Every structure is written in C-alpha cells, then in structure tokens.
Amino acid sequence: MRNPLRTHAQALQWMDEQGLSKSELARRFGVTPSLVHAILRGEKACRRGASHNIAVFLGLKRGQATATKQPYGRAGREAA
C-alpha cells in the first residue's frame, strides 16, 4: 500500500524530526531557502524541476524525483 501524502504541516514536522532546516534542504537541492519556504506554504504548484523534486522528496506529491543526487535517497519518503 502506498504511503499517504503529507500535508505541508506534516512535511515541516518531518523535516524538524530529521533535523533538516529549510536552508539545509535548499542547499542540498541547489535552490534558495525562499523556494523551499514557498513550497512548504503551498505557494508553488511544484510541477517540474527542483520544486517538483523537493515536493516528492517531502512526500507532498506523488511522482518520481528527477534529481540526479537525492539528499537522503529514498529513506526520506519511507520514513513517513
């Protein structure tokens, strides 16, 4: 059975549990912290590119991340 999608609040809580700040996540994906903040507030559609990859990584949406380098591999999504 698939893991349910996380809400934005659940994704933020998961990041906190992992000790992962918005700035650190941004650094690992090569984006600005403001983009990560916008994703976590639901202000981005996250249809493609880095925003899509971050949303998939955080469990906010289904799909396959297209990044060649994932900060935590698949463990991030499976820990939900």
Protein backbone atom coordinates (compact mmCIF):
# COMPACT_ATOMS: atom_id res chain seq x y z
CA MET A 1 0.00 0.00 0.00
CA ARG A 2 1.29 3.47 -0.83
CA ASN A 3 2.15 5.91 1.88
CA PRO A 4 -0.40 8.72 2.11
CA LEU A 5 0.72 12.15 1.02
CA ARG A 6 1.87 14.52 3.73
CA THR A 7 0.29 17.87 4.37
CA HIS A 8 2.55 20.90 4.32
CA ALA A 9 2.47 20.97 8.14
CA GLN A 10 3.39 17.27 8.30
CA ALA A 11 6.28 17.82 5.90
CA LEU A 12 7.59 20.64 8.06
CA GLN A 13 7.24 18.47 11.16
CA TRP A 14 9.07 15.61 9.41
CA MET A 15 11.90 17.98 8.49
CA ASP A 16 12.13 19.06 12.13
CA GLU A 17 12.23 15.42 13.28
CA GLN A 18 15.06 14.76 10.81
CA GLY A 19 16.96 17.85 11.96
CA LEU A 20 16.68 19.25 8.45
CA SER A 21 16.30 23.02 8.17
CA LYS A 22 14.81 24.84 5.19
CA SER A 23 18.25 26.29 4.49
CA GLU A 24 19.90 22.87 4.55
CA LEU A 25 17.26 21.36 2.27
CA ALA A 26 17.70 24.29 -0.11
CA ARG A 27 21.46 23.81 -0.12
CA ARG A 28 21.17 20.10 -0.85
CA PHE A 29 18.81 20.70 -3.78
CA GLY A 30 20.73 23.73 -5.02
CA VAL A 31 17.86 26.20 -4.61
CA THR A 32 17.15 29.24 -2.45
CA PRO A 33 15.63 28.89 1.02
CA SER A 34 12.78 31.12 -0.18
CA LEU A 35 11.79 28.45 -2.74
CA VAL A 36 11.69 25.79 -0.01
CA HIS A 37 9.64 28.15 2.16
CA ALA A 38 7.17 28.77 -0.69
CA ILE A 39 6.81 25.01 -1.28
CA LEU A 40 6.12 24.37 2.40
CA ARG A 41 3.50 27.15 2.45
CA GLY A 42 1.75 25.68 -0.59
CA GLU A 43 2.54 28.70 -2.77
CA LYS A 44 4.17 26.69 -5.58
CA ALA A 45 2.49 24.19 -7.91
CA CYS A 46 5.69 22.08 -7.99
CA ARG A 47 5.01 20.76 -11.49
CA ARG A 48 8.61 20.35 -12.66
CA GLY A 49 12.24 20.90 -11.85
CA ALA A 50 13.64 21.43 -8.40
CA SER A 51 10.30 22.36 -6.82
CA HIS A 52 8.78 19.09 -8.08
CA ASN A 53 11.74 17.10 -6.75
CA ILE A 54 11.52 18.76 -3.36
CA ALA A 55 7.76 18.16 -3.12
CA VAL A 56 8.22 14.47 -4.00
CA PHE A 57 11.09 14.16 -1.50
CA LEU A 58 8.97 15.71 1.25
CA GLY A 59 6.01 13.48 0.42
CA LEU A 60 3.80 16.39 -0.63
CA LYS A 61 3.07 14.82 -4.01
CA ARG A 62 3.44 11.54 -5.81
CA GLY A 63 5.79 11.10 -8.66
CA GLN A 64 9.39 10.42 -9.31
CA ALA A 65 12.05 12.91 -8.45
CA THR A 66 14.26 13.63 -11.41
CA ALA A 67 17.25 14.87 -9.44
CA THR A 68 20.45 13.00 -10.07
CA LYS A 69 21.52 13.47 -6.47
CA GLN A 70 18.97 12.99 -3.69
CA PRO A 71 19.97 14.35 -0.28
CA TYR A 72 18.73 11.29 1.62
CA GLY A 73 17.95 8.81 -1.14
CA ARG A 74 14.61 7.09 -0.72
CA ALA A 75 14.73 7.00 3.09
CA GLY A 76 13.10 10.41 3.39
CA ARG A 77 9.81 9.28 1.87
CA GLU A 78 9.77 5.86 3.52
CA ALA A 79 10.07 7.36 6.98
CA ALA A 80 6.54 8.80 6.78
